[in-house]
Amino acid sequence: MDWQGQKLAEQLMQIMLVAFAVVAFLTGYIMGSFRMMILVYAGGVVLTTLITVPNWPFFNRHPLKWLDPSLAEKYPKPQPQEPVVLKKKTAKK
């Protein structure tokens, strides 16, 4: 799953969970059944999981292009720089 696919999966999950919460609340309120509300929401969570968790092809529309290993050996890795220590100015009295 690429970066845009992860973003899409996250947005789908949030939208679907909120939508199922609203539908579950209205169903439970109209039917007067807390059990029905929980069942509708649980079904929504399961459906949301089945849609957003697997790596479906539409989540991989923008694949990353990795550097070829032979080219990676040609260019050295950047070395970490030593931290620069700044001197504080002393206040004159």
Protein backbone atom coordinates (compact mmCIF):
# COMPACT_ATOMS: atom_id res chain seq x y z
CA MET A 1 0.00 0.00 0.00
CA ASP A 2 1.45 3.36 -1.01
CA TRP A 3 1.26 6.64 0.91
CA GLN A 4 -1.82 7.90 -0.91
CA GLY A 5 -3.43 4.49 -0.36
CA GLN A 6 -2.80 4.73 3.38
CA LYS A 7 -4.37 8.17 3.43
CA LEU A 8 -7.38 6.91 1.46
CA ALA A 9 -7.78 3.90 3.78
CA GLU A 10 -7.66 6.18 6.84
CA GLN A 11 -10.25 8.57 5.37
CA LEU A 12 -12.54 5.70 4.34
CA MET A 13 -12.28 4.17 7.81
CA GLN A 14 -13.19 7.44 9.54
CA ILE A 15 -16.10 8.22 7.21
CA MET A 16 -17.51 4.68 7.36
CA LEU A 17 -17.28 4.40 11.15
CA VAL A 18 -19.03 7.73 11.66
CA ALA A 19 -21.70 6.82 9.10
CA PHE A 20 -22.32 3.43 10.74
CA ALA A 21 -22.44 5.08 14.17
CA VAL A 22 -25.17 7.45 12.97
CA VAL A 23 -27.11 4.65 11.24
CA ALA A 24 -26.76 2.40 14.29
CA PHE A 25 -27.93 5.14 16.66
CA LEU A 26 -30.97 5.96 14.51
CA THR A 27 -31.83 2.27 14.12
CA GLY A 28 -31.55 1.68 17.85
CA TYR A 29 -33.52 4.82 18.67
CA ILE A 30 -36.35 4.09 16.22
CA MET A 31 -36.59 0.42 17.20
CA GLY A 32 -36.02 1.16 20.88
CA SER A 33 -33.37 -1.54 21.05
CA PHE A 34 -29.89 -1.08 22.42
CA ARG A 35 -29.01 -4.58 21.23
CA MET A 36 -29.98 -3.73 17.62
CA MET A 37 -27.89 -0.56 17.79
CA ILE A 38 -24.82 -2.54 18.91
CA LEU A 39 -25.40 -5.21 16.24
CA VAL A 40 -25.70 -2.64 13.44
CA TYR A 41 -22.56 -0.84 14.60
CA ALA A 42 -20.63 -4.13 15.00
CA GLY A 43 -21.64 -5.08 11.45
CA GLY A 44 -20.39 -1.69 10.27
CA VAL A 45 -17.06 -2.17 12.04
CA VAL A 46 -16.63 -5.59 10.43
CA LEU A 47 -17.49 -4.22 6.98
CA THR A 48 -15.15 -1.25 7.49
CA THR A 49 -12.36 -3.64 8.50
CA LEU A 50 -12.91 -5.81 5.43
CA ILE A 51 -12.72 -2.76 3.16
CA THR A 52 -9.83 -0.83 4.72
CA VAL A 53 -7.43 -3.41 6.21
CA PRO A 54 -6.56 -5.70 3.25
CA ASN A 55 -4.13 -4.35 0.68
CA TRP A 56 -6.63 -3.97 -2.17
CA PRO A 57 -5.25 -2.91 -5.61
CA PHE A 58 -7.01 0.48 -5.49
CA PHE A 59 -4.84 1.36 -2.45
CA ASN A 60 -1.70 0.94 -4.58
CA ARG A 61 -2.32 3.31 -7.49
CA HIS A 62 0.83 5.36 -6.86
CA PRO A 63 3.63 2.85 -6.15
CA LEU A 64 7.00 4.11 -4.97
CA LYS A 65 9.94 3.78 -7.32
CA TRP A 66 12.79 2.27 -5.33
CA LEU A 67 16.43 2.98 -6.10
CA ASP A 68 18.20 0.14 -7.91
CA PRO A 69 20.69 -1.61 -5.56
CA SER A 70 23.58 -1.13 -7.99
CA LEU A 71 22.94 2.63 -8.01
CA ALA A 72 22.59 2.71 -4.23
CA GLU A 73 26.12 1.34 -3.83
CA LYS A 74 27.48 4.03 -6.13
CA TYR A 75 26.37 6.90 -3.88
CA PRO A 76 27.50 6.92 -0.23
CA LYS A 77 25.04 7.43 2.59
CA PRO A 78 25.08 10.88 4.16
CA GLN A 79 27.03 10.92 7.42
CA PRO A 80 25.45 12.48 10.50
CA GLN A 81 26.93 15.83 11.38
CA GLU A 82 28.25 16.65 14.81
CA PRO A 83 25.92 18.95 16.76
CA VAL A 84 26.90 22.60 16.78
CA VAL A 85 27.32 24.01 20.29
CA LEU A 86 26.22 27.62 20.59
CA LYS A 87 27.80 29.78 23.26
CA LYS A 88 25.45 31.84 25.39
CA LYS A 89 26.16 35.51 25.72
CA THR A 90 26.79 36.54 29.27
CA ALA A 91 24.77 39.47 30.54
CA LYS A 92 26.84 42.37 31.78
CA LYS A 93 25.85 43.98 35.06
